[in-house]
Amino acid sequence: MEHLTTGHDEEFRQLYQKYYRPGVHFLTSILKDKEEAENMVQDVFLKMWLRKEKLNFDAHLQAYIFTSLKNIAFDYLKKLAKDEVARVQFLQQMQNTEATVEEETFLRLSRAVERLSEKRKMIIRMTIEEGKSYQEIADIMQISKNTVKNQLIKAKQHLRNTVDFSVA
């Protein structure tokens, strides 16, 4: 059963059942986030299902699955690190803006933040001023972590489009 044959849904279901829990455990040990690990395991199996006709697994199916899981986890961790760097830079820029930029630029930034929806204002303030994680914000606001991410991205885009930070 260590291979995928086109059209054999039952084989794939058994494969999924065999590797789902070990995959989640493996990714949780790397990410320390079970929910994200579950999503990633499902993503890997979905990609395998969509490409099942093109994939040749032979006897290396377990290695293929865990290599795929490791790669998706490392990509995720790289993105988190990049997001953290961007957050730190944004914080530094905000501090520089408050300390050194003319009053007019600071007022434009304040007005831009005030023009955000209440939800986006809350999210950006909790992220930047309070340093809360996406999950903490999601729990407080009773929304999904992905909604927090999407709203934060849109808020930052609005601020970048409204205020020229290159002056600082």
C-alpha atoms as a PDB file:
ATOM      1  CA  MET A   1       0.000   0.000   0.000  1.00  0.00           C
ATOM      2  CA  GLU A   2       3.070   2.286  -0.007  1.00  0.00           C
ATOM      3  CA  HIS A   3       2.202   3.675  -3.440  1.00  0.00           C
ATOM      4  CA  LEU A   4      -0.604   5.604  -5.034  1.00  0.00           C
ATOM      5  CA  THR A   5      -2.467   4.065  -7.879  1.00  0.00           C
ATOM      6  CA  THR A   6      -4.617   6.338  -9.992  1.00  0.00           C
ATOM      7  CA  GLY A   7      -8.239   6.043  -9.017  1.00  0.00           C
ATOM      8  CA  HIS A   8      -7.784   4.152  -5.763  1.00  0.00           C
ATOM      9  CA  ASP A   9      -9.456   6.439  -3.250  1.00  0.00           C
ATOM     10  CA  GLU A  10      -9.402   3.784  -0.524  1.00  0.00           C
ATOM     11  CA  GLU A  11      -5.621   3.416  -0.769  1.00  0.00           C
ATOM     12  CA  PHE A  12      -5.215   7.147  -0.396  1.00  0.00           C
ATOM     13  CA  ARG A  13      -7.603   7.237   2.579  1.00  0.00           C
ATOM     14  CA  GLN A  14      -5.575   4.501   4.280  1.00  0.00           C
ATOM     15  CA  LEU A  15      -2.360   6.331   3.494  1.00  0.00           C
ATOM     16  CA  TYR A  16      -3.795   9.514   4.998  1.00  0.00           C
ATOM     17  CA  GLN A  17      -4.921   7.665   8.124  1.00  0.00           C
ATOM     18  CA  LYS A  18      -1.529   6.002   8.499  1.00  0.00           C
ATOM     19  CA  TYR A  19       0.552   9.193   8.240  1.00  0.00           C
ATOM     20  CA  TYR A  20      -1.784  11.937   9.499  1.00  0.00           C
ATOM     21  CA  ARG A  21      -1.076  11.617  13.234  1.00  0.00           C
ATOM     22  CA  PRO A  22       2.680  10.985  12.891  1.00  0.00           C
ATOM     23  CA  GLY A  23       2.826  13.958  10.505  1.00  0.00           C
ATOM     24  CA  VAL A  24       0.980  16.231  12.928  1.00  0.00           C
ATOM     25  CA  HIS A  25       3.205  15.081  15.793  1.00  0.00           C
ATOM     26  CA  PHE A  26       6.332  15.684  13.675  1.00  0.00           C
ATOM     27  CA  LEU A  27       5.273  19.207  12.667  1.00  0.00           C
ATOM     28  CA  THR A  28       4.032  20.113  16.140  1.00  0.00           C
ATOM     29  CA  SER A  29       7.478  19.271  17.491  1.00  0.00           C
ATOM     30  CA  ILE A  30       8.973  21.739  14.998  1.00  0.00           C
ATOM     31  CA  LEU A  31       6.324  24.494  15.016  1.00  0.00           C
ATOM     32  CA  LYS A  32       4.964  24.248  18.583  1.00  0.00           C
ATOM     33  CA  ASP A  33       1.531  24.961  17.039  1.00  0.00           C
ATOM     34  CA  LYS A  34      -0.759  21.937  16.657  1.00  0.00           C
ATOM     35  CA  GLU A  35      -3.421  23.780  14.653  1.00  0.00           C
ATOM     36  CA  GLU A  36      -0.872  24.986  12.112  1.00  0.00           C
ATOM     37  CA  ALA A  37       0.666  21.484  11.999  1.00  0.00           C
ATOM     38  CA  GLU A  38      -2.735  19.940  11.236  1.00  0.00           C
ATOM     39  CA  ASN A  39      -3.318  22.450   8.443  1.00  0.00           C
ATOM     40  CA  MET A  40       0.100  21.744   6.933  1.00  0.00           C
ATOM     41  CA  VAL A  41      -0.373  17.959   6.987  1.00  0.00           C
ATOM     42  CA  GLN A  42      -3.702  18.412   5.218  1.00  0.00           C
ATOM     43  CA  ASP A  43      -2.048  20.716   2.680  1.00  0.00           C
ATOM     44  CA  VAL A  44       0.657  18.136   1.919  1.00  0.00           C
ATOM     45  CA  PHE A  45      -1.892  15.372   1.431  1.00  0.00           C
ATOM     46  CA  LEU A  46      -4.064  17.618  -0.719  1.00  0.00           C
ATOM     47  CA  LYS A  47      -1.087  18.384  -2.957  1.00  0.00           C
ATOM     48  CA  MET A  48      -0.303  14.666  -3.164  1.00  0.00           C
ATOM     49  CA  TRP A  49      -3.914  13.911  -4.094  1.00  0.00           C
ATOM     50  CA  LEU A  50      -3.977  16.591  -6.777  1.00  0.00           C
ATOM     51  CA  ARG A  51      -0.700  15.311  -8.252  1.00  0.00           C
ATOM     52  CA  LYS A  52      -1.251  11.590  -7.705  1.00  0.00           C
ATOM     53  CA  GLU A  53      -1.035  10.738 -11.411  1.00  0.00           C
ATOM     54  CA  LYS A  54       2.347  12.431 -11.729  1.00  0.00           C
ATOM     55  CA  LEU A  55       3.979  11.141  -8.552  1.00  0.00           C
ATOM     56  CA  ASN A  56       6.121   8.014  -8.440  1.00  0.00           C
ATOM     57  CA  PHE A  57       6.623   6.914  -4.866  1.00  0.00           C
ATOM     58  CA  ASP A  58       8.048   3.382  -5.047  1.00  0.00           C
ATOM     59  CA  ALA A  59       9.211   2.372  -1.555  1.00  0.00           C
ATOM     60  CA  HIS A  60      10.109   5.894  -0.440  1.00  0.00           C
ATOM     61  CA  LEU A  61       6.616   7.132   0.329  1.00  0.00           C
ATOM     62  CA  GLN A  62       7.235   7.790   4.033  1.00  0.00           C
ATOM     63  CA  ALA A  63      10.423   9.707   3.243  1.00  0.00           C
ATOM     64  CA  TYR A  64       8.563  11.715   0.592  1.00  0.00           C
ATOM     65  CA  ILE A  65       5.776  12.639   3.015  1.00  0.00           C
ATOM     66  CA  PHE A  66       8.084  13.655   5.859  1.00  0.00           C
ATOM     67  CA  THR A  67      10.418  15.554   3.546  1.00  0.00           C
ATOM     68  CA  SER A  68       7.392  17.443   2.217  1.00  0.00           C
ATOM     69  CA  LEU A  69       6.256  18.159   5.781  1.00  0.00           C
ATOM     70  CA  LYS A  70       9.723  19.328   6.806  1.00  0.00           C
ATOM     71  CA  ASN A  71       9.951  21.619   3.782  1.00  0.00           C
ATOM     72  CA  ILE A  72       6.538  23.196   4.355  1.00  0.00           C
ATOM     73  CA  ALA A  73       7.412  23.722   8.043  1.00  0.00           C
ATOM     74  CA  PHE A  74      10.733  25.379   7.251  1.00  0.00           C
ATOM     75  CA  ASP A  75       9.096  27.625   4.641  1.00  0.00           C
ATOM     76  CA  TYR A  76       6.544  28.630   7.276  1.00  0.00           C
ATOM     77  CA  LEU A  77       9.257  29.347   9.859  1.00  0.00           C
ATOM     78  CA  LYS A  78      11.182  31.460   7.329  1.00  0.00           C
ATOM     79  CA  LYS A  79       8.014  33.450   6.663  1.00  0.00           C
ATOM     80  CA  LEU A  80       7.473  33.937  10.402  1.00  0.00           C
ATOM     81  CA  ALA A  81      11.041  35.180  10.786  1.00  0.00           C
ATOM     82  CA  LYS A  82      10.574  37.553   7.856  1.00  0.00           C
ATOM     83  CA  ASP A  83       7.296  38.805   9.368  1.00  0.00           C
ATOM     84  CA  GLU A  84       9.047  39.392  12.701  1.00  0.00           C
ATOM     85  CA  VAL A  85      11.801  41.390  10.996  1.00  0.00           C
ATOM     86  CA  ALA A  86       9.142  43.454   9.219  1.00  0.00           C
ATOM     87  CA  ARG A  87       7.310  43.989  12.517  1.00  0.00           C
ATOM     88  CA  VAL A  88      10.516  45.156  14.226  1.00  0.00           C
ATOM     89  CA  GLN A  89      11.311  47.474  11.312  1.00  0.00           C
ATOM     90  CA  PHE A  90       7.773  48.821  11.416  1.00  0.00           C
ATOM     91  CA  LEU A  91       8.096  49.436  15.167  1.00  0.00           C
ATOM     92  CA  GLN A  92      11.435  51.173  14.643  1.00  0.00           C
ATOM     93  CA  GLN A  93       9.937  53.250  11.867  1.00  0.00           C
ATOM     94  CA  MET A  94       7.016  54.206  14.094  1.00  0.00           C
ATOM     95  CA  GLN A  95       9.460  55.214  16.866  1.00  0.00           C
ATOM     96  CA  ASN A  96      11.577  57.190  14.407  1.00  0.00           C
ATOM     97  CA  THR A  97       8.453  58.808  13.030  1.00  0.00           C
ATOM     98  CA  GLU A  98       7.327  59.904  16.469  1.00  0.00           C
ATOM     99  CA  ALA A  99      10.789  61.122  17.447  1.00  0.00           C
ATOM    100  CA  THR A 100      12.163  62.773  14.315  1.00  0.00           C
ATOM    101  CA  VAL A 101       9.577  63.360  11.610  1.00  0.00           C
ATOM    102  CA  GLU A 102       7.799  66.649  11.276  1.00  0.00           C
ATOM    103  CA  GLU A 103       4.427  67.097  12.946  1.00  0.00           C
ATOM    104  CA  GLU A 104       2.657  66.959   9.604  1.00  0.00           C
ATOM    105  CA  THR A 105       3.945  63.459   8.825  1.00  0.00           C
ATOM    106  CA  PHE A 106       3.021  62.225  12.286  1.00  0.00           C
ATOM    107  CA  LEU A 107      -0.453  63.696  11.877  1.00  0.00           C
ATOM    108  CA  ARG A 108      -0.845  61.946   8.492  1.00  0.00           C
ATOM    109  CA  LEU A 109       0.078  58.647  10.123  1.00  0.00           C
ATOM    110  CA  SER A 110      -2.355  59.223  12.983  1.00  0.00           C
ATOM    111  CA  ARG A 111      -5.106  60.133  10.539  1.00  0.00           C
ATOM    112  CA  ALA A 112      -4.324  57.063   8.439  1.00  0.00           C
ATOM    113  CA  VAL A 113      -4.594  54.806  11.493  1.00  0.00           C
ATOM    114  CA  GLU A 114      -7.820  56.511  12.524  1.00  0.00           C
ATOM    115  CA  ARG A 115      -9.286  55.882   9.051  1.00  0.00           C
ATOM    116  CA  LEU A 116      -8.801  52.143   9.505  1.00  0.00           C
ATOM    117  CA  SER A 117     -11.842  50.118  10.444  1.00  0.00           C
ATOM    118  CA  GLU A 118     -12.216  49.464  14.162  1.00  0.00           C
ATOM    119  CA  LYS A 119     -11.216  45.826  13.664  1.00  0.00           C
ATOM    120  CA  ARG A 120      -8.024  46.757  11.776  1.00  0.00           C
ATOM    121  CA  LYS A 121      -7.184  49.473  14.305  1.00  0.00           C
ATOM    122  CA  MET A 122      -7.504  46.983  17.149  1.00  0.00           C
ATOM    123  CA  ILE A 123      -5.426  44.377  15.316  1.00  0.00           C
ATOM    124  CA  ILE A 124      -2.623  46.760  14.375  1.00  0.00           C
ATOM    125  CA  ARG A 125      -2.476  48.220  17.888  1.00  0.00           C
ATOM    126  CA  MET A 126      -2.442  44.798  19.566  1.00  0.00           C
ATOM    127  CA  THR A 127       0.257  43.599  17.170  1.00  0.00           C
ATOM    128  CA  ILE A 128       2.514  46.628  17.238  1.00  0.00           C
ATOM    129  CA  GLU A 129       1.910  48.301  20.575  1.00  0.00           C
ATOM    130  CA  GLU A 130       1.211  45.210  22.680  1.00  0.00           C
ATOM    131  CA  GLY A 131       3.291  42.649  20.756  1.00  0.00           C
ATOM    132  CA  LYS A 132       0.484  40.086  20.757  1.00  0.00           C
ATOM    133  CA  SER A 133       0.650  37.042  18.474  1.00  0.00           C
ATOM    134  CA  TYR A 134      -1.890  36.360  15.754  1.00  0.00           C
ATOM    135  CA  GLN A 135      -3.371  33.582  17.873  1.00  0.00           C
ATOM    136  CA  GLU A 136      -3.694  35.808  20.955  1.00  0.00           C
ATOM    137  CA  ILE A 137      -5.465  38.477  18.901  1.00  0.00           C
ATOM    138  CA  ALA A 138      -7.707  35.850  17.287  1.00  0.00           C
ATOM    139  CA  ASP A 139      -8.691  34.557  20.732  1.00  0.00           C
ATOM    140  CA  ILE A 140      -9.385  38.057  22.087  1.00  0.00           C
ATOM    141  CA  MET A 141     -11.420  39.121  19.055  1.00  0.00           C
ATOM    142  CA  GLN A 142     -13.015  35.705  18.532  1.00  0.00           C
ATOM    143  CA  ILE A 143     -11.954  35.490  14.895  1.00  0.00           C
ATOM    144  CA  SER A 144      -9.666  33.095  13.036  1.00  0.00           C
ATOM    145  CA  LYS A 145      -5.893  33.507  12.988  1.00  0.00           C
ATOM    146  CA  ASN A 146      -6.038  33.845   9.185  1.00  0.00           C
ATOM    147  CA  THR A 147      -8.510  36.723   9.511  1.00  0.00           C
ATOM    148  CA  VAL A 148      -6.053  38.457  11.847  1.00  0.00           C
ATOM    149  CA  LYS A 149      -3.228  37.958   9.335  1.00  0.00           C
ATOM    150  CA  ASN A 150      -5.323  39.216   6.406  1.00  0.00           C
ATOM    151  CA  GLN A 151      -6.617  42.264   8.285  1.00  0.00           C
ATOM    152  CA  LEU A 152      -3.105  43.180   9.439  1.00  0.00           C
ATOM    153  CA  ILE A 153      -1.762  42.940   5.895  1.00  0.00           C
ATOM    154  CA  LYS A 154      -4.546  45.205   4.628  1.00  0.00           C
ATOM    155  CA  ALA A 155      -3.996  47.704   7.455  1.00  0.00           C
ATOM    156  CA  LYS A 156      -0.258  47.897   6.754  1.00  0.00           C
ATOM    157  CA  GLN A 157      -0.901  48.322   3.024  1.00  0.00           C
ATOM    158  CA  HIS A 158      -3.253  51.196   3.801  1.00  0.00           C
ATOM    159  CA  LEU A 159      -0.669  52.860   6.035  1.00  0.00           C
ATOM    160  CA  ARG A 160       2.122  52.423   3.469  1.00  0.00           C
ATOM    161  CA  ASN A 161      -0.088  53.892   0.723  1.00  0.00           C
ATOM    162  CA  THR A 162      -1.201  56.805   2.893  1.00  0.00           C
ATOM    163  CA  VAL A 163       2.008  57.852   4.645  1.00  0.00           C
ATOM    164  CA  ASP A 164       5.449  58.206   3.057  1.00  0.00           C
ATOM    165  CA  PHE A 165       7.830  56.579   5.558  1.00  0.00           C
ATOM    166  CA  SER A 166      10.945  57.279   3.492  1.00  0.00           C
ATOM    167  CA  VAL A 167      11.155  60.738   5.055  1.00  0.00           C
ATOM    168  CA  ALA A 168      12.341  59.306   8.386  1.00  0.00           C
END
